[in-house]
N, C-alpha and C. Protein backbone atom coordinates (compact mmCIF):
# COMPACT_ATOMS: atom_id res chain seq x y z
N MET A 1 -9.72 0.58 -0.94
CA MET A 1 -8.60 1.20 -1.61
C MET A 1 -8.10 0.27 -2.71
N PRO A 2 -8.03 0.75 -3.94
CA PRO A 2 -7.55 -0.10 -5.03
C PRO A 2 -6.04 -0.34 -4.88
N THR A 3 -5.62 -1.52 -5.28
CA THR A 3 -4.20 -1.84 -5.19
C THR A 3 -3.44 -1.18 -6.32
N ARG A 4 -2.19 -0.85 -6.04
CA ARG A 4 -1.34 -0.21 -7.04
C ARG A 4 -0.71 -1.25 -7.94
N LYS A 5 -0.32 -0.83 -9.14
CA LYS A 5 0.36 -1.72 -10.06
C LYS A 5 1.79 -1.95 -9.59
N THR A 6 2.35 -3.06 -10.00
CA THR A 6 3.70 -3.41 -9.60
C THR A 6 4.71 -2.37 -10.05
N SER A 7 4.54 -1.83 -11.24
CA SER A 7 5.48 -0.81 -11.73
C SER A 7 5.44 0.44 -10.86
N GLU A 8 4.26 0.81 -10.38
CA GLU A 8 4.14 1.96 -9.49
C GLU A 8 4.81 1.69 -8.14
N ILE A 9 4.65 0.48 -7.63
CA ILE A 9 5.28 0.11 -6.36
C ILE A 9 6.79 0.17 -6.50
N ARG A 10 7.32 -0.31 -7.62
CA ARG A 10 8.77 -0.28 -7.84
C ARG A 10 9.30 1.15 -7.87
N ARG A 11 8.51 2.07 -8.43
CA ARG A 11 8.93 3.49 -8.46
C ARG A 11 8.96 4.09 -7.06
N LEU A 12 8.02 3.66 -6.21
CA LEU A 12 7.92 4.22 -4.87
C LEU A 12 9.00 3.69 -3.92
N LEU A 13 9.46 2.47 -4.14
CA LEU A 13 10.43 1.84 -3.23
C LEU A 13 11.84 1.91 -3.79
N SER A 14 12.80 2.14 -2.91
CA SER A 14 14.20 2.07 -3.32
C SER A 14 14.56 0.60 -3.55
N PRO A 15 15.65 0.34 -4.25
CA PRO A 15 16.06 -1.06 -4.43
C PRO A 15 16.28 -1.79 -3.10
N ALA A 16 16.81 -1.10 -2.12
CA ALA A 16 17.03 -1.73 -0.81
C ALA A 16 15.69 -2.05 -0.14
N ASP A 17 14.72 -1.14 -0.23
CA ASP A 17 13.40 -1.39 0.34
C ASP A 17 12.69 -2.52 -0.39
N LEU A 18 12.85 -2.56 -1.69
CA LEU A 18 12.25 -3.64 -2.48
C LEU A 18 12.81 -4.99 -2.05
N ASP A 19 14.13 -5.06 -1.88
CA ASP A 19 14.75 -6.31 -1.40
C ASP A 19 14.24 -6.68 -0.02
N ARG A 20 14.07 -5.69 0.85
CA ARG A 20 13.60 -5.96 2.21
C ARG A 20 12.16 -6.46 2.21
N VAL A 21 11.31 -5.91 1.34
CA VAL A 21 9.93 -6.38 1.24
C VAL A 21 9.91 -7.84 0.81
N VAL A 22 10.70 -8.17 -0.19
CA VAL A 22 10.77 -9.56 -0.67
C VAL A 22 11.28 -10.47 0.45
N GLU A 23 12.29 -10.03 1.18
CA GLU A 23 12.84 -10.83 2.28
C GLU A 23 11.80 -11.04 3.38
N MET A 24 11.09 -9.98 3.73
CA MET A 24 10.06 -10.09 4.77
C MET A 24 8.92 -11.00 4.32
N ALA A 25 8.53 -10.89 3.06
CA ALA A 25 7.45 -11.74 2.55
C ALA A 25 7.88 -13.20 2.50
N TRP A 26 9.15 -13.44 2.23
CA TRP A 26 9.66 -14.80 2.14
C TRP A 26 9.68 -15.48 3.51
N GLU A 27 9.94 -14.71 4.57
CA GLU A 27 9.98 -15.27 5.91
C GLU A 27 8.59 -15.74 6.32
N ASP A 28 8.50 -16.93 6.84
CA ASP A 28 7.19 -17.50 7.20
C ASP A 28 6.53 -16.77 8.37
N ARG A 29 7.32 -16.27 9.30
CA ARG A 29 6.72 -15.72 10.52
C ARG A 29 6.50 -14.21 10.46
N THR A 30 6.91 -13.54 9.41
CA THR A 30 6.68 -12.10 9.29
C THR A 30 5.30 -11.90 8.66
N PRO A 31 4.37 -11.31 9.38
CA PRO A 31 3.01 -11.15 8.85
C PRO A 31 2.93 -10.04 7.78
N PHE A 32 1.92 -10.16 6.95
CA PHE A 32 1.68 -9.13 5.93
C PHE A 32 1.40 -7.79 6.60
N ASP A 33 0.85 -7.81 7.81
CA ASP A 33 0.55 -6.57 8.53
C ASP A 33 1.83 -5.81 8.86
N ALA A 34 2.92 -6.51 9.14
CA ALA A 34 4.20 -5.85 9.42
C ALA A 34 4.74 -5.17 8.17
N ILE A 35 4.58 -5.81 7.03
CA ILE A 35 5.01 -5.22 5.76
C ILE A 35 4.17 -3.98 5.46
N GLU A 36 2.87 -4.07 5.73
CA GLU A 36 2.00 -2.92 5.50
C GLU A 36 2.36 -1.76 6.43
N ALA A 37 2.67 -2.06 7.68
CA ALA A 37 3.02 -1.02 8.65
C ALA A 37 4.32 -0.32 8.26
N GLN A 38 5.27 -1.07 7.74
CA GLN A 38 6.57 -0.50 7.44
C GLN A 38 6.63 0.13 6.05
N PHE A 39 6.00 -0.49 5.06
CA PHE A 39 6.15 -0.02 3.68
C PHE A 39 4.85 0.46 3.04
N GLY A 40 3.72 0.26 3.71
CA GLY A 40 2.45 0.72 3.17
C GLY A 40 1.89 -0.13 2.04
N LEU A 41 2.33 -1.38 1.95
CA LEU A 41 1.86 -2.29 0.91
C LEU A 41 0.86 -3.27 1.51
N VAL A 42 -0.32 -3.36 0.91
CA VAL A 42 -1.31 -4.32 1.39
C VAL A 42 -0.95 -5.71 0.86
N GLU A 43 -1.59 -6.73 1.39
CA GLU A 43 -1.27 -8.11 1.05
C GLU A 43 -1.31 -8.37 -0.46
N ALA A 44 -2.34 -7.88 -1.13
CA ALA A 44 -2.46 -8.11 -2.58
C ALA A 44 -1.29 -7.49 -3.35
N GLU A 45 -0.80 -6.34 -2.89
CA GLU A 45 0.34 -5.70 -3.55
C GLU A 45 1.62 -6.49 -3.31
N VAL A 46 1.77 -7.04 -2.11
CA VAL A 46 2.95 -7.86 -1.80
C VAL A 46 2.93 -9.12 -2.66
N ILE A 47 1.78 -9.74 -2.79
CA ILE A 47 1.67 -10.95 -3.61
C ILE A 47 2.02 -10.64 -5.06
N ALA A 48 1.49 -9.54 -5.60
CA ALA A 48 1.79 -9.16 -6.98
C ALA A 48 3.27 -8.84 -7.16
N LEU A 49 3.85 -8.17 -6.16
CA LEU A 49 5.27 -7.84 -6.22
C LEU A 49 6.12 -9.11 -6.19
N MET A 50 5.77 -10.04 -5.32
CA MET A 50 6.50 -11.31 -5.25
C MET A 50 6.41 -12.06 -6.57
N LYS A 51 5.24 -12.03 -7.19
CA LYS A 51 5.06 -12.74 -8.46
C LYS A 51 5.95 -12.15 -9.55
N SER A 52 6.10 -10.82 -9.52
CA SER A 52 6.93 -10.18 -10.55
C SER A 52 8.42 -10.33 -10.26
N GLU A 53 8.79 -10.55 -9.01
CA GLU A 53 10.20 -10.64 -8.63
C GLU A 53 10.75 -12.06 -8.67
N MET A 54 9.88 -13.06 -8.68
CA MET A 54 10.32 -14.45 -8.58
C MET A 54 10.06 -15.20 -9.88
N HIS A 55 10.78 -16.30 -10.05
CA HIS A 55 10.46 -17.23 -11.13
C HIS A 55 9.10 -17.83 -10.83
N LEU A 56 8.34 -18.16 -11.86
CA LEU A 56 6.97 -18.62 -11.71
C LEU A 56 6.86 -19.83 -10.79
N ASN A 57 7.71 -20.84 -10.97
CA ASN A 57 7.62 -22.04 -10.13
C ASN A 57 7.91 -21.72 -8.66
N ASN A 58 8.89 -20.85 -8.42
CA ASN A 58 9.19 -20.46 -7.04
C ASN A 58 8.05 -19.67 -6.44
N TRP A 59 7.42 -18.81 -7.23
CA TRP A 59 6.28 -18.04 -6.74
C TRP A 59 5.12 -18.97 -6.38
N LYS A 60 4.87 -19.97 -7.21
CA LYS A 60 3.79 -20.92 -6.93
C LYS A 60 4.04 -21.67 -5.62
N LYS A 61 5.30 -22.06 -5.39
CA LYS A 61 5.64 -22.74 -4.13
C LYS A 61 5.46 -21.80 -2.94
N TRP A 62 5.92 -20.55 -3.09
CA TRP A 62 5.78 -19.57 -2.00
C TRP A 62 4.31 -19.29 -1.73
N ARG A 63 3.53 -19.12 -2.78
CA ARG A 63 2.10 -18.79 -2.63
C ARG A 63 1.36 -19.95 -1.96
N ALA A 64 1.68 -21.17 -2.34
CA ALA A 64 1.04 -22.33 -1.71
C ALA A 64 1.43 -22.41 -0.23
N ARG A 65 2.66 -22.03 0.09
CA ARG A 65 3.14 -22.09 1.47
C ARG A 65 2.47 -21.04 2.34
N VAL A 66 2.27 -19.82 1.84
CA VAL A 66 1.74 -18.75 2.68
C VAL A 66 0.22 -18.61 2.62
N HIS A 67 -0.41 -19.26 1.66
CA HIS A 67 -1.86 -19.14 1.52
C HIS A 67 -2.57 -19.69 2.76
N GLY A 68 -3.24 -18.81 3.48
CA GLY A 68 -3.99 -19.21 4.65
C GLY A 68 -3.14 -19.52 5.87
N ARG A 69 -1.83 -19.30 5.77
CA ARG A 69 -0.92 -19.58 6.90
C ARG A 69 -1.20 -18.60 8.03
N ALA A 70 -1.44 -19.12 9.19
CA ALA A 70 -1.78 -18.28 10.34
C ALA A 70 -0.67 -17.31 10.70
N SER A 71 0.58 -17.71 10.51
CA SER A 71 1.69 -16.85 10.89
C SER A 71 1.84 -15.64 9.98
N LYS A 72 1.28 -15.69 8.77
CA LYS A 72 1.36 -14.56 7.86
C LYS A 72 0.19 -13.59 8.04
N HIS A 73 -0.77 -13.94 8.88
CA HIS A 73 -1.94 -13.11 9.11
C HIS A 73 -2.14 -12.96 10.62
N VAL A 74 -1.95 -11.75 11.11
CA VAL A 74 -2.02 -11.50 12.55
C VAL A 74 -3.36 -11.93 13.13
N ALA A 75 -4.43 -11.73 12.39
CA ALA A 75 -5.76 -12.07 12.90
C ALA A 75 -5.93 -13.58 13.10
N LEU A 76 -5.18 -14.39 12.38
CA LEU A 76 -5.29 -15.84 12.49
C LEU A 76 -4.32 -16.44 13.51
N ARG A 77 -3.38 -15.63 14.01
CA ARG A 77 -2.40 -16.13 14.96
C ARG A 77 -3.03 -16.45 16.31
N SER A 78 -2.42 -17.40 16.99
CA SER A 78 -2.86 -17.68 18.36
C SER A 78 -2.29 -16.60 19.28
N GLU A 79 -2.85 -16.49 20.45
CA GLU A 79 -2.41 -15.48 21.42
C GLU A 79 -0.98 -15.69 21.88
N SER A 80 -0.49 -16.92 21.81
CA SER A 80 0.85 -17.22 22.32
C SER A 80 1.97 -16.75 21.40
N VAL A 81 1.66 -16.45 20.13
CA VAL A 81 2.69 -16.02 19.18
C VAL A 81 2.90 -14.52 19.35
N ARG A 82 4.13 -14.17 19.63
CA ARG A 82 4.47 -12.76 19.79
C ARG A 82 5.13 -12.25 18.51
N ARG A 83 5.47 -10.96 18.50
CA ARG A 83 6.10 -10.36 17.33
C ARG A 83 7.41 -11.07 17.03
N PHE A 84 7.61 -11.42 15.78
CA PHE A 84 8.82 -12.12 15.36
C PHE A 84 9.89 -11.10 14.97
N ARG A 85 11.09 -11.35 15.40
CA ARG A 85 12.21 -10.51 15.02
C ARG A 85 13.26 -11.40 14.37
N SER A 86 13.57 -11.10 13.12
CA SER A 86 14.52 -11.89 12.37
C SER A 86 15.93 -11.76 12.95
N LYS A 87 16.74 -12.80 12.79
CA LYS A 87 18.13 -12.75 13.22
C LYS A 87 18.90 -11.71 12.42
N MET A 88 18.40 -11.38 11.22
CA MET A 88 19.04 -10.39 10.36
C MET A 88 18.69 -8.96 10.78
N GLN A 89 17.79 -8.78 11.71
CA GLN A 89 17.27 -7.46 12.07
C GLN A 89 18.38 -6.48 12.43
N ARG A 90 19.38 -6.92 13.17
CA ARG A 90 20.46 -6.02 13.59
C ARG A 90 21.27 -5.51 12.41
N THR A 91 21.43 -6.32 11.38
CA THR A 91 22.29 -5.94 10.26
C THR A 91 21.60 -5.05 9.26
N ILE A 92 20.31 -4.87 9.38
CA ILE A 92 19.57 -4.06 8.42
C ILE A 92 19.62 -2.61 8.89
N SER A 93 20.20 -1.75 8.09
CA SER A 93 20.28 -0.35 8.49
C SER A 93 19.08 0.41 7.94
N GLY A 94 18.65 1.42 8.65
CA GLY A 94 17.54 2.24 8.19
C GLY A 94 16.19 1.56 8.32
N ASN A 95 16.10 0.51 9.11
CA ASN A 95 14.84 -0.20 9.27
C ASN A 95 13.95 0.59 10.22
N ARG A 96 12.93 1.23 9.70
CA ARG A 96 12.11 2.14 10.47
C ARG A 96 11.33 1.44 11.57
N ILE A 97 10.88 0.24 11.35
CA ILE A 97 10.02 -0.43 12.32
C ILE A 97 10.80 -0.87 13.55
N SER A 98 12.10 -1.13 13.41
CA SER A 98 12.88 -1.60 14.54
C SER A 98 13.13 -0.51 15.57
N LYS A 99 12.94 0.75 15.19
CA LYS A 99 13.20 1.87 16.09
C LYS A 99 11.98 2.23 16.95
N ARG A 100 10.89 1.51 16.78
CA ARG A 100 9.67 1.81 17.54
C ARG A 100 9.74 1.22 18.91
């Protein structure tokens, strides 16, 4: 499946959803698979979105931090790591994944 352009992703997501995607991507323990399950964005689309939403130097630091990080990729996680739930989870309204 080809990845969508950042402008198309912005049209599909509300401003609140866009902020939530950026917040989830910024968190070290939230995997890209969780973002895909909730918002339908694959890893490459999240990376492109983060690049367009952040200053270049901050994006480079974030990209270096998450590149190959086991916690951002469910397949690379050890069996002992369970689903991460942010402390902010309760305050986020309309979060579809939390109702599962």
